[in-house]
N, C-alpha and C. Protein backbone atom coordinates (compact mmCIF):
# COMPACT_ATOMS: atom_id res chain seq x y z
N UNK A 1 152.09 124.93 98.92
CA UNK A 1 151.72 123.47 98.27
C UNK A 1 151.33 124.02 96.75
N UNK A 2 151.27 124.86 96.55
CA UNK A 2 151.03 125.17 94.77
C UNK A 2 151.92 124.66 94.18
N UNK A 3 151.38 123.77 93.25
CA UNK A 3 152.62 123.39 91.87
C UNK A 3 152.36 123.42 90.45
N UNK A 4 153.46 124.29 90.06
CA UNK A 4 152.70 124.23 88.37
C UNK A 4 153.47 123.45 87.66
N UNK A 5 154.83 122.82 87.74
CA UNK A 5 155.36 121.74 87.04
C UNK A 5 155.82 121.05 87.58
N UNK A 6 156.26 119.68 86.80
CA UNK A 6 156.99 118.58 87.72
C UNK A 6 158.32 119.13 88.37
N UNK A 7 159.03 120.33 87.90
CA UNK A 7 160.40 120.60 88.58
C UNK A 7 159.47 121.25 90.02
N UNK A 8 158.23 121.76 90.01
CA UNK A 8 157.91 122.55 91.57
C UNK A 8 157.66 121.34 92.42
N UNK A 9 157.58 120.07 92.26
CA UNK A 9 157.08 119.04 93.13
C UNK A 9 157.99 119.22 94.55
N UNK A 10 157.47 119.05 95.50
CA UNK A 10 157.96 119.20 96.56
C UNK A 10 158.61 118.08 97.29
N UNK A 11 158.99 116.70 96.30
CA UNK A 11 159.34 115.79 96.64
C UNK A 11 160.41 115.96 97.85
N UNK A 12 161.08 115.08 98.62
CA UNK A 12 162.45 115.51 99.29
C UNK A 12 163.62 114.72 98.97
N UNK A 13 163.03 114.09 97.89
CA UNK A 13 164.11 113.45 96.93
C UNK A 13 164.10 113.07 95.68
N UNK A 14 165.00 113.28 94.86
CA UNK A 14 164.79 113.68 93.51
C UNK A 14 165.10 112.24 92.93
N UNK A 15 164.60 111.68 91.72
CA UNK A 15 165.20 110.47 91.26
C UNK A 15 166.25 110.69 90.19
N UNK A 16 167.71 110.41 89.85
CA UNK A 16 168.33 110.25 88.92
C UNK A 16 167.90 110.04 87.73
N UNK A 17 168.41 110.87 86.73
CA UNK A 17 167.92 110.39 85.53
C UNK A 17 168.43 109.23 84.48
N UNK A 18 169.03 108.71 85.38
CA UNK A 18 169.97 107.22 84.70
C UNK A 18 168.49 106.04 85.03
N UNK A 19 167.86 106.45 86.40
CA UNK A 19 166.91 105.65 86.81
C UNK A 19 165.85 105.06 85.43
N UNK A 20 165.81 106.34 84.78
CA UNK A 20 164.57 106.11 83.31
C UNK A 20 164.98 105.08 82.77
N UNK A 21 166.48 105.26 82.50
CA UNK A 21 167.16 104.19 81.80
C UNK A 21 167.37 102.63 81.68
N UNK A 22 167.41 102.35 83.28
CA UNK A 22 167.10 101.26 84.10
C UNK A 22 166.21 100.57 83.88
N UNK A 23 164.95 101.65 84.22
CA UNK A 23 163.84 101.00 84.38
C UNK A 23 163.37 100.41 82.70
N UNK A 24 163.55 101.14 81.77
CA UNK A 24 163.23 100.58 80.46
C UNK A 24 163.79 99.65 80.11
N UNK A 25 164.90 98.88 80.76
CA UNK A 25 165.90 98.17 80.31
C UNK A 25 164.54 96.53 80.29
N UNK A 26 163.53 96.25 80.68
CA UNK A 26 162.57 95.74 80.69
C UNK A 26 161.34 96.03 80.95
N UNK A 27 161.08 96.52 79.73
CA UNK A 27 159.65 97.19 79.30
C UNK A 27 158.69 96.63 79.46
N UNK A 28 158.48 95.38 79.39
CA UNK A 28 157.47 94.46 79.54
C UNK A 28 156.86 94.44 80.76
N UNK A 29 158.11 93.94 81.95
CA UNK A 29 157.78 93.91 83.03
C UNK A 29 157.53 95.51 83.57
N UNK A 30 158.08 96.66 83.42
CA UNK A 30 157.37 97.82 83.62
C UNK A 30 156.03 97.98 83.61
N UNK A 31 155.53 97.79 82.23
CA UNK A 31 154.51 98.23 81.64
C UNK A 31 153.32 97.27 82.67
N UNK A 32 153.75 96.11 83.27
CA UNK A 32 153.00 95.25 83.90
C UNK A 32 152.96 95.77 85.44
N UNK A 33 153.78 96.26 85.59
CA UNK A 33 153.98 96.81 87.10
C UNK A 33 152.88 97.95 87.02
N UNK A 34 153.08 98.75 85.80
CA UNK A 34 152.50 100.17 85.85
C UNK A 34 151.01 99.99 85.72
N UNK A 35 150.72 98.88 84.93
CA UNK A 35 149.26 98.52 84.68
C UNK A 35 148.70 98.00 86.49
N UNK A 36 149.40 97.58 87.06
CA UNK A 36 148.80 97.44 88.28
C UNK A 36 148.70 98.76 89.56
N UNK A 37 149.75 99.43 89.04
CA UNK A 37 149.76 100.62 89.90
C UNK A 37 148.54 101.30 89.36
N UNK A 38 147.79 101.57 88.02
CA UNK A 38 146.91 102.12 87.63
C UNK A 38 145.56 101.44 88.05
N UNK A 39 145.46 100.20 87.85
CA UNK A 39 144.11 99.24 88.38
C UNK A 39 144.16 99.81 90.10
N UNK A 40 145.03 100.08 90.97
CA UNK A 40 145.00 99.97 92.03
C UNK A 40 144.64 101.65 92.52
N UNK A 41 145.27 102.54 91.88
CA UNK A 41 144.79 104.18 91.58
C UNK A 41 143.29 104.10 91.44
N UNK A 42 142.73 103.70 90.73
CA UNK A 42 141.42 103.49 90.31
C UNK A 42 140.53 103.08 91.27
N UNK A 43 140.86 101.71 91.80
CA UNK A 43 140.25 101.60 93.01
C UNK A 43 140.34 101.89 94.49
N UNK A 44 141.18 102.72 94.50
CA UNK A 44 141.57 103.54 95.90
C UNK A 44 140.82 105.10 95.74
N UNK A 45 140.64 105.33 94.59
CA UNK A 45 139.76 106.63 94.40
C UNK A 45 138.31 106.21 94.77
N UNK A 46 137.79 104.99 94.39
CA UNK A 46 136.48 105.09 94.34
C UNK A 46 136.34 104.52 95.97
N UNK A 47 137.09 104.11 96.69
CA UNK A 47 137.11 103.53 98.19
C UNK A 47 137.28 104.96 98.47
N UNK A 48 137.50 106.06 98.30
CA UNK A 48 137.90 107.34 99.01
C UNK A 48 136.38 107.93 98.63
N UNK A 49 135.98 107.55 97.61
CA UNK A 49 134.99 108.58 96.81
C UNK A 49 133.31 108.37 98.21
N UNK A 50 133.17 107.05 98.68
CA UNK A 50 132.28 106.98 99.45
C UNK A 50 132.48 107.19 101.12
N UNK A 51 134.05 107.77 101.31
CA UNK A 51 134.35 107.84 102.58
C UNK A 51 134.40 109.35 102.77
N UNK A 52 133.49 110.39 102.35
CA UNK A 52 133.16 111.75 102.27
C UNK A 52 133.21 112.22 103.84
N UNK A 53 133.39 113.31 104.43
CA UNK A 53 133.55 113.74 105.72
C UNK A 53 132.02 113.98 106.15
N UNK A 54 131.70 114.13 107.96
CA UNK A 54 130.35 113.99 108.21
C UNK A 54 129.54 114.95 107.37
N UNK A 55 130.25 115.71 107.54
CA UNK A 55 129.40 116.85 106.60
C UNK A 55 129.46 116.76 104.98
N UNK A 56 128.49 117.07 104.39
CA UNK A 56 128.54 116.63 102.83
C UNK A 56 129.60 117.57 102.30
N UNK A 57 130.43 117.43 101.15
CA UNK A 57 131.36 118.12 100.74
C UNK A 57 131.22 118.54 99.46
N UNK A 58 130.65 119.60 98.80
CA UNK A 58 130.57 119.59 97.53
C UNK A 58 131.71 119.35 96.64
N UNK A 59 131.81 118.74 95.59
CA UNK A 59 132.82 118.32 94.84
C UNK A 59 133.49 117.11 94.88
N UNK A 60 133.33 116.31 96.14
CA UNK A 60 133.91 115.13 96.81
C UNK A 60 133.62 114.28 95.62
N UNK A 61 132.35 114.07 95.41
CA UNK A 61 132.07 112.92 94.49
C UNK A 61 132.61 113.00 92.94
N UNK A 62 132.42 114.14 92.34
CA UNK A 62 133.17 114.83 91.46
C UNK A 62 134.58 114.85 91.17
N UNK A 63 135.39 114.71 92.08
CA UNK A 63 136.57 114.76 92.05
C UNK A 63 137.25 113.50 91.83
N UNK A 64 136.71 112.63 92.80
CA UNK A 64 137.25 111.14 93.16
C UNK A 64 136.58 110.47 92.06
N UNK A 65 135.56 110.61 91.62
CA UNK A 65 134.75 109.83 90.41
C UNK A 65 136.04 110.00 88.89
N UNK A 66 136.13 111.41 88.68
CA UNK A 66 137.03 111.57 87.91
C UNK A 66 138.35 111.19 87.91
N UNK A 67 138.75 111.06 88.93
CA UNK A 67 140.26 110.15 89.05
C UNK A 67 140.15 108.86 88.87
N UNK A 68 139.14 108.23 89.13
CA UNK A 68 138.81 107.04 89.19
C UNK A 68 138.59 106.79 87.45
N UNK A 69 137.93 107.34 87.07
CA UNK A 69 137.68 107.68 85.46
C UNK A 69 139.04 107.57 84.81
N UNK A 70 139.79 108.42 84.94
CA UNK A 70 141.35 108.78 84.27
C UNK A 70 142.52 107.59 84.63
N UNK A 71 142.39 107.06 85.76
CA UNK A 71 143.15 105.99 86.61
C UNK A 71 142.73 104.39 85.66
N UNK A 72 141.25 104.29 85.33
CA UNK A 72 140.89 103.18 84.81
C UNK A 72 141.39 103.16 83.09
N UNK A 73 141.30 104.77 82.54
CA UNK A 73 141.48 104.69 81.43
C UNK A 73 143.26 104.36 81.04
N UNK A 74 143.96 105.06 82.10
CA UNK A 74 145.08 104.77 82.13
C UNK A 74 145.78 103.32 82.04
N UNK A 75 145.05 102.37 82.89
CA UNK A 75 145.08 100.92 82.90
C UNK A 75 144.94 100.34 81.75
N UNK A 76 143.65 100.88 80.74
CA UNK A 76 143.20 100.19 79.17
C UNK A 76 144.64 100.60 78.64
N UNK A 77 145.20 102.11 78.61
CA UNK A 77 145.94 102.26 77.86
C UNK A 77 147.73 101.41 78.25
N UNK A 78 147.53 101.21 79.59
CA UNK A 78 149.15 100.09 79.76
C UNK A 78 148.61 98.71 79.30
N UNK A 79 147.85 98.52 79.72
CA UNK A 79 147.55 97.00 79.32
C UNK A 79 147.77 97.25 77.08
N UNK A 80 147.03 98.07 76.74
CA UNK A 80 147.24 97.78 75.44
C UNK A 80 148.53 97.80 75.17
N UNK A 81 149.28 98.33 75.41
CA UNK A 81 150.76 99.11 75.07
C UNK A 81 151.48 97.71 75.28
N UNK A 82 151.19 97.00 76.57
CA UNK A 82 151.60 95.93 77.04
C UNK A 82 151.38 94.69 76.09
N UNK A 83 150.01 94.49 75.57
CA UNK A 83 149.77 93.57 74.82
C UNK A 83 150.65 93.53 73.42
N UNK A 84 150.45 95.00 72.86
CA UNK A 84 150.95 94.73 71.57
C UNK A 84 152.14 94.85 71.55
N UNK A 85 152.81 94.78 72.54
CA UNK A 85 154.53 94.39 72.51
C UNK A 85 154.60 92.57 73.31
N UNK A 86 153.35 92.00 73.00
CA UNK A 86 153.95 90.51 73.30
C UNK A 86 153.73 90.25 74.63
N UNK A 87 153.14 91.07 75.81
CA UNK A 87 153.21 91.03 77.01
C UNK A 87 151.69 90.77 77.61
N UNK A 88 151.63 89.87 78.78
CA UNK A 88 150.24 89.97 79.30
C UNK A 88 150.51 90.08 80.92
N UNK A 89 148.92 90.54 80.85
CA UNK A 89 148.78 91.18 82.68
C UNK A 89 148.91 89.72 83.17
N UNK A 90 149.24 89.66 84.40
CA UNK A 90 149.35 88.37 85.45
C UNK A 90 148.69 88.72 86.66
N UNK A 91 148.28 87.92 87.34
CA UNK A 91 147.45 87.82 88.36
C UNK A 91 148.04 88.60 89.70
N UNK A 92 149.19 88.13 90.31
CA UNK A 92 149.54 88.52 91.37
C UNK A 92 150.51 89.54 90.95
N UNK A 93 150.76 90.82 91.93
CA UNK A 93 151.88 91.68 91.72
C UNK A 93 151.40 92.34 93.29
N UNK A 94 152.79 92.79 93.51
CA UNK A 94 153.05 93.58 95.27
C UNK A 94 153.74 94.86 95.02
N UNK A 95 154.02 95.71 95.90
CA UNK A 95 154.55 97.07 95.59
C UNK A 95 154.95 97.17 96.93
N UNK A 96 156.05 97.01 97.36
CA UNK A 96 156.78 97.51 98.27
C UNK A 96 156.59 98.87 98.89
N UNK A 97 156.59 99.64 97.64
CA UNK A 97 156.42 101.07 98.05
C UNK A 97 155.19 101.25 98.59
N UNK A 98 153.92 101.24 98.07
CA UNK A 98 153.05 101.76 98.25
C UNK A 98 152.84 100.97 99.72
N UNK A 99 152.89 99.71 99.97
CA UNK A 99 152.68 99.23 101.06
C UNK A 99 153.43 99.74 102.29
N UNK A 100 154.55 100.40 102.15
CA UNK A 100 155.34 100.64 102.92
C UNK A 100 154.76 102.17 103.53
N UNK A 101 154.24 103.45 102.44
CA UNK A 101 153.37 103.83 102.50
C UNK A 101 151.97 103.92 103.22
N UNK A 102 151.25 102.87 103.15
CA UNK A 102 150.39 102.46 103.45
C UNK A 102 150.16 102.41 105.01
N UNK A 103 151.69 102.17 106.05
CA UNK A 103 151.58 101.65 107.20
C UNK A 103 151.76 103.57 107.56
N UNK A 104 151.73 104.22 107.13
CA UNK A 104 151.68 105.71 107.50
C UNK A 104 150.49 106.24 107.76
N UNK A 105 149.49 105.54 107.16
CA UNK A 105 148.55 105.80 107.71
C UNK A 105 147.80 105.53 109.22
N UNK A 106 147.18 106.70 109.99
CA UNK A 106 146.97 106.53 111.24
C UNK A 106 145.15 105.94 110.89
N UNK A 107 145.07 105.09 111.75
CA UNK A 107 143.68 104.11 112.00
C UNK A 107 142.59 104.71 112.83
N UNK A 108 142.38 106.19 112.70
CA UNK A 108 141.35 107.07 113.72
C UNK A 108 140.66 107.82 112.90
N UNK A 109 139.48 107.31 112.60
CA UNK A 109 138.70 108.59 112.12
C UNK A 109 138.83 109.50 111.35
N UNK A 110 138.80 110.85 111.21
CA UNK A 110 139.24 111.83 110.27
C UNK A 110 141.00 111.82 110.08
N UNK A 111 141.40 111.32 110.61
CA UNK A 111 142.97 111.37 110.69
C UNK A 111 143.19 110.28 109.74
N UNK A 112 142.50 109.29 109.61
CA UNK A 112 142.80 108.32 108.65
C UNK A 112 142.22 108.89 107.27
N UNK A 113 141.37 109.53 107.31
CA UNK A 113 141.12 109.90 105.73
C UNK A 113 141.99 110.78 105.52
N UNK A 114 142.61 111.80 106.06
CA UNK A 114 143.38 112.60 105.86
C UNK A 114 144.99 111.79 105.47
N UNK A 115 144.95 111.12 106.19
CA UNK A 115 145.89 110.10 105.71
C UNK A 115 146.19 109.55 104.43
N UNK A 116 144.81 108.97 104.14
CA UNK A 116 144.94 108.48 102.72
C UNK A 116 144.92 109.20 101.70
N UNK A 117 144.28 110.39 102.03
CA UNK A 117 144.37 111.29 100.81
C UNK A 117 146.04 111.70 100.54
N UNK A 118 146.80 112.15 101.71
CA UNK A 118 148.05 112.14 101.30
C UNK A 118 148.59 111.68 100.88
N UNK A 119 149.00 110.35 101.44
CA UNK A 119 149.52 108.95 100.79
C UNK A 119 149.11 109.05 99.33
N UNK A 120 147.95 109.14 99.00
CA UNK A 120 147.45 109.11 97.82
C UNK A 120 148.14 109.96 96.72
N UNK A 121 147.79 111.45 97.23
CA UNK A 121 148.93 112.61 96.85
C UNK A 121 150.37 112.29 96.65
N UNK A 122 150.95 111.38 97.65
CA UNK A 122 152.34 111.26 97.52
C UNK A 122 152.68 110.22 96.38
N UNK A 123 151.95 109.65 96.39
CA UNK A 123 152.14 108.30 95.40
C UNK A 123 151.58 108.94 93.87
N UNK A 124 150.97 109.97 93.35
CA UNK A 124 150.83 110.45 92.09
C UNK A 124 151.91 111.51 92.22
N UNK A 125 152.46 112.08 92.75
CA UNK A 125 153.63 112.93 93.28
C UNK A 125 154.39 112.51 92.69
N UNK A 126 155.00 111.00 92.76
CA UNK A 126 156.19 110.34 92.43
C UNK A 126 156.42 109.87 91.04
N UNK A 127 154.67 109.20 90.93
CA UNK A 127 154.60 108.96 89.44
C UNK A 127 155.01 110.12 88.65
N UNK A 128 154.40 111.04 89.16
CA UNK A 128 154.69 112.13 87.81
C UNK A 128 155.94 112.28 87.88
N UNK A 129 156.74 112.56 88.56
CA UNK A 129 158.03 112.40 88.69
C UNK A 129 158.91 111.73 87.79
N UNK A 130 158.10 110.01 88.07
CA UNK A 130 158.86 109.30 87.11
C UNK A 130 158.34 109.21 85.78
N UNK A 131 157.37 109.37 85.44
CA UNK A 131 156.56 109.60 83.89
C UNK A 131 157.28 110.34 83.26
N UNK A 132 157.85 111.46 83.76
CA UNK A 132 158.59 112.36 83.44
C UNK A 132 159.70 111.96 82.50
N UNK A 133 160.77 111.29 83.47
CA UNK A 133 161.88 110.61 83.57
C UNK A 133 161.99 109.51 82.72
N UNK A 134 160.85 108.82 82.60
CA UNK A 134 160.64 107.74 81.99
C UNK A 134 160.62 108.21 80.15
N UNK A 135 159.81 109.24 80.01
CA UNK A 135 159.42 110.02 78.71
C UNK A 135 160.56 110.47 78.06
N UNK A 136 161.52 111.08 78.64
CA UNK A 136 162.74 111.80 78.40
C UNK A 136 163.79 110.33 78.12
N UNK A 137 163.77 109.38 78.93
CA UNK A 137 164.53 108.00 78.48
C UNK A 137 163.98 107.72 77.26
N UNK A 138 163.12 107.58 76.60
CA UNK A 138 162.47 107.17 75.63
C UNK A 138 162.50 107.58 74.68
N UNK A 139 162.84 108.93 74.56
CA UNK A 139 162.30 109.95 73.65
C UNK A 139 163.32 109.12 72.27
N UNK A 140 164.31 109.07 72.26
CA UNK A 140 164.91 108.39 71.13
C UNK A 140 164.57 107.05 70.71
N UNK A 141 164.83 106.04 72.20
CA UNK A 141 164.89 104.59 70.90
C UNK A 141 163.11 104.21 71.28
N UNK A 142 162.27 104.72 71.82
CA UNK A 142 160.90 104.08 72.25
C UNK A 142 160.06 105.19 72.25
N UNK A 143 159.92 105.60 70.83
CA UNK A 143 159.16 107.24 71.04
C UNK A 143 157.63 106.89 71.09
N UNK A 144 156.92 105.77 71.17
CA UNK A 144 155.78 105.41 71.31
C UNK A 144 155.67 105.43 72.80
N UNK A 145 156.70 104.91 73.72
CA UNK A 145 156.52 104.81 75.28
C UNK A 145 156.76 106.41 75.46
N UNK A 146 157.58 106.88 75.05
CA UNK A 146 157.98 108.47 75.37
C UNK A 146 156.38 109.18 75.35
N UNK A 147 155.97 109.08 74.30
CA UNK A 147 154.49 109.54 74.16
C UNK A 147 153.34 109.21 75.25
N UNK A 148 153.73 107.97 75.06
CA UNK A 148 152.65 107.55 76.37
C UNK A 148 153.11 108.08 77.62
N UNK A 149 154.17 108.06 77.95
CA UNK A 149 154.46 108.51 79.58
C UNK A 149 154.43 110.27 79.82
N UNK A 150 154.51 110.78 78.71
CA UNK A 150 154.54 112.32 78.55
C UNK A 150 153.08 112.51 78.77
N UNK A 151 152.17 111.93 78.30
CA UNK A 151 150.87 112.56 78.35
C UNK A 151 150.61 112.02 79.70
N UNK A 152 150.91 111.35 80.57
CA UNK A 152 150.46 110.51 81.86
C UNK A 152 150.96 111.70 82.68
N UNK A 153 152.18 112.20 82.34
CA UNK A 153 152.67 113.24 83.48
C UNK A 153 151.85 114.16 84.07
N UNK A 154 151.30 114.69 83.09
CA UNK A 154 150.49 116.02 83.42
C UNK A 154 149.09 115.58 84.24
N UNK A 155 148.57 114.37 83.57
CA UNK A 155 147.26 113.69 84.60
C UNK A 155 147.71 113.74 85.98
N UNK A 156 148.79 113.08 86.17
CA UNK A 156 149.32 112.43 87.60
C UNK A 156 149.45 113.86 88.20
N UNK A 157 149.94 114.88 87.23
CA UNK A 157 150.22 116.33 88.16
C UNK A 157 149.07 116.74 89.03
N UNK A 158 147.72 116.63 87.52
CA UNK A 158 146.52 117.38 88.26
C UNK A 158 145.71 116.24 89.21
N UNK A 159 145.99 115.12 89.38
CA UNK A 159 145.64 114.06 90.32
C UNK A 159 146.18 114.51 91.79
N UNK A 160 147.59 114.61 91.69
CA UNK A 160 147.99 115.37 92.98
C UNK A 160 147.83 116.33 93.33
N UNK A 161 147.51 117.46 92.54
CA UNK A 161 146.65 118.67 93.23
C UNK A 161 145.33 118.40 94.02
N UNK A 162 144.41 117.58 93.14
CA UNK A 162 143.44 117.13 93.68
C UNK A 162 143.26 116.51 95.10
N UNK A 163 144.14 115.47 95.51
CA UNK A 163 144.04 115.04 96.54
C UNK A 163 144.53 116.08 97.49
N UNK A 164 145.52 116.97 97.25
CA UNK A 164 145.91 117.65 98.54
C UNK A 164 144.79 118.93 98.99
N UNK A 165 144.12 119.01 97.64
CA UNK A 165 142.89 120.49 97.69
C UNK A 165 142.07 119.39 98.58
N UNK A 166 141.58 118.18 98.44
CA UNK A 166 140.39 117.25 99.32
C UNK A 166 141.01 117.17 100.64
N UNK A 167 142.05 117.30 100.75
CA UNK A 167 142.71 117.04 102.21
C UNK A 167 142.49 118.34 103.13
N UNK A 168 142.41 119.43 102.46
CA UNK A 168 142.07 120.51 102.86
C UNK A 168 140.57 120.71 102.94
N UNK A 169 140.04 119.73 102.69
CA UNK A 169 138.75 120.09 103.25
C UNK A 169 138.32 118.93 104.29
N UNK A 170 139.29 118.41 104.65
CA UNK A 170 138.65 117.36 105.95
C UNK A 170 139.48 117.93 107.09
N UNK A 171 140.56 118.71 106.98
CA UNK A 171 141.19 118.89 108.06
C UNK A 171 141.80 120.65 107.76
N UNK A 172 142.31 121.38 109.17
CA UNK A 172 142.74 122.60 109.11
C UNK A 172 143.98 122.62 108.19
N UNK A 173 144.26 123.87 107.69
CA UNK A 173 145.40 124.26 106.67
C UNK A 173 146.79 124.16 107.44
N UNK A 174 146.70 123.98 108.52
CA UNK A 174 148.02 124.33 109.39
C UNK A 174 148.22 122.37 109.41
N UNK A 175 147.03 122.03 110.01
CA UNK A 175 147.40 120.75 109.89
C UNK A 175 147.77 119.61 109.05
N UNK A 176 146.82 119.89 107.74
CA UNK A 176 147.64 119.42 106.66
C UNK A 176 148.74 119.60 106.18
N UNK A 177 149.24 121.03 106.22
CA UNK A 177 150.61 120.88 106.23
C UNK A 177 151.81 120.56 106.86
N UNK A 178 151.30 120.52 108.16
CA UNK A 178 152.21 119.64 109.24
C UNK A 178 152.46 118.14 108.86
N UNK A 179 151.23 117.53 108.44
CA UNK A 179 151.38 115.97 108.08
C UNK A 179 151.82 115.97 107.03
N UNK A 180 151.71 116.92 106.07
CA UNK A 180 152.16 116.71 104.68
C UNK A 180 153.78 116.72 104.83
N UNK A 181 154.44 117.88 105.42
CA UNK A 181 155.82 117.39 105.60
C UNK A 181 156.15 115.99 106.06
N UNK A 182 155.76 115.72 107.07
CA UNK A 182 155.95 114.34 107.73
C UNK A 182 155.87 113.52 106.84
N UNK A 183 154.99 113.51 105.91
CA UNK A 183 154.56 112.22 105.00
C UNK A 183 156.04 112.18 103.96
N UNK A 184 156.38 113.72 103.52
CA UNK A 184 157.42 113.66 102.40
C UNK A 184 158.39 113.21 102.97
N UNK A 185 159.05 113.51 104.05
CA UNK A 185 160.19 113.19 104.75
C UNK A 185 160.30 111.65 105.01
N UNK A 186 159.10 110.91 104.74
CA UNK A 186 158.84 109.46 105.15
C UNK A 186 159.25 108.85 104.09
N UNK A 187 158.18 109.53 102.94
CA UNK A 187 158.13 109.07 101.53
C UNK A 187 159.67 108.96 100.92
N UNK A 188 160.55 109.89 101.40
CA UNK A 188 162.00 109.99 100.70
C UNK A 188 162.71 108.93 101.28
N UNK A 189 162.18 108.66 102.84
CA UNK A 189 163.27 107.20 103.51
C UNK A 189 162.76 106.44 102.79
N UNK A 190 161.40 105.99 102.63
CA UNK A 190 160.76 104.55 101.87
C UNK A 190 161.45 104.36 100.43
N UNK A 191 161.77 105.41 99.73
CA UNK A 191 161.77 105.34 98.21
C UNK A 191 163.56 105.22 98.01
N UNK A 192 164.62 105.32 99.54
CA UNK A 192 165.68 105.37 99.34
C UNK A 192 165.98 103.74 99.70
N UNK A 193 164.71 103.08 100.16
CA UNK A 193 164.78 101.39 100.69
C UNK A 193 164.75 100.61 99.97
N UNK A 194 163.78 101.09 98.39
CA UNK A 194 163.55 100.37 97.09
C UNK A 194 164.36 99.72 96.52
N UNK A 195 164.52 98.53 96.23
CA UNK A 195 165.65 97.64 95.06
C UNK A 195 165.07 98.13 93.88
N UNK A 196 166.25 98.22 93.64
CA UNK A 196 166.38 98.78 92.02
C UNK A 196 165.28 97.43 90.95
N UNK A 197 164.75 98.32 89.78
CA UNK A 197 164.66 97.09 89.15
C UNK A 197 163.24 97.70 87.71
N UNK A 198 162.58 97.02 86.84
CA UNK A 198 161.68 97.66 86.19
C UNK A 198 160.25 97.97 86.67
N UNK A 199 160.24 98.64 87.49
CA UNK A 199 158.96 99.22 88.41
C UNK A 199 158.96 100.72 88.79
N UNK A 200 157.92 101.23 88.64
CA UNK A 200 157.44 102.47 88.61
C UNK A 200 157.95 103.19 89.58
N UNK A 201 157.85 102.34 91.05
CA UNK A 201 158.62 103.04 92.28
C UNK A 201 159.97 102.20 92.51
N UNK A 202 160.62 101.85 91.98
CA UNK A 202 162.12 101.16 92.21
C UNK A 202 162.77 101.77 92.51
N UNK A 203 164.10 101.54 93.32
CA UNK A 203 165.02 102.13 93.63
C UNK A 203 165.74 102.37 92.56
N UNK A 204 167.39 103.15 92.86
CA UNK A 204 168.33 102.83 91.33
C UNK A 204 169.54 102.52 91.80
N UNK A 205 169.89 101.63 90.67
CA UNK A 205 171.11 101.07 90.62
C UNK A 205 172.09 102.09 90.83
N UNK A 206 173.30 101.37 91.53
CA UNK A 206 174.85 102.48 91.91
C UNK A 206 175.25 102.55 90.86
């Protein structure tokens, strides 16, 4: 499961380059969706932080509070970019992609914790891929957005790796590998079902 670059991500489906141009057609809506994504990611990391395994795990709190701190900083960045462009954060927001992934989580003790870590890793991996595409698509027309998303890409890659490392602290390597492959396949199906639009985890227009 070792990953060094965006190209090495083990996603079972790849987003075509044209998605980046499609998503950037409405940058305010995209940034609003992005801000909520970062907010949820920060909350998720803090929730996982207090759910360490039965035996105390060294580095657990440090890793997850570090992710929460990063995601909160990304939220602040996204909101600054949004308001600078004349937009504002709205109160209500839903993500059909994230909601569908959450249905994969088993509700049983350590299986639930493992699945939540792997779902978190899936979201970070897909976000990493999408940020790279947005940075490339915005390079000429929106250089400020290109720099913004390029900077976030490496951060999401690091978070993805951290979630998988934590998963290996709560379950045997063989179990993590098997469940990870199941979830990668499910994520690809879920992504294929998403409607197109200016969202980080939207589908692709034909």
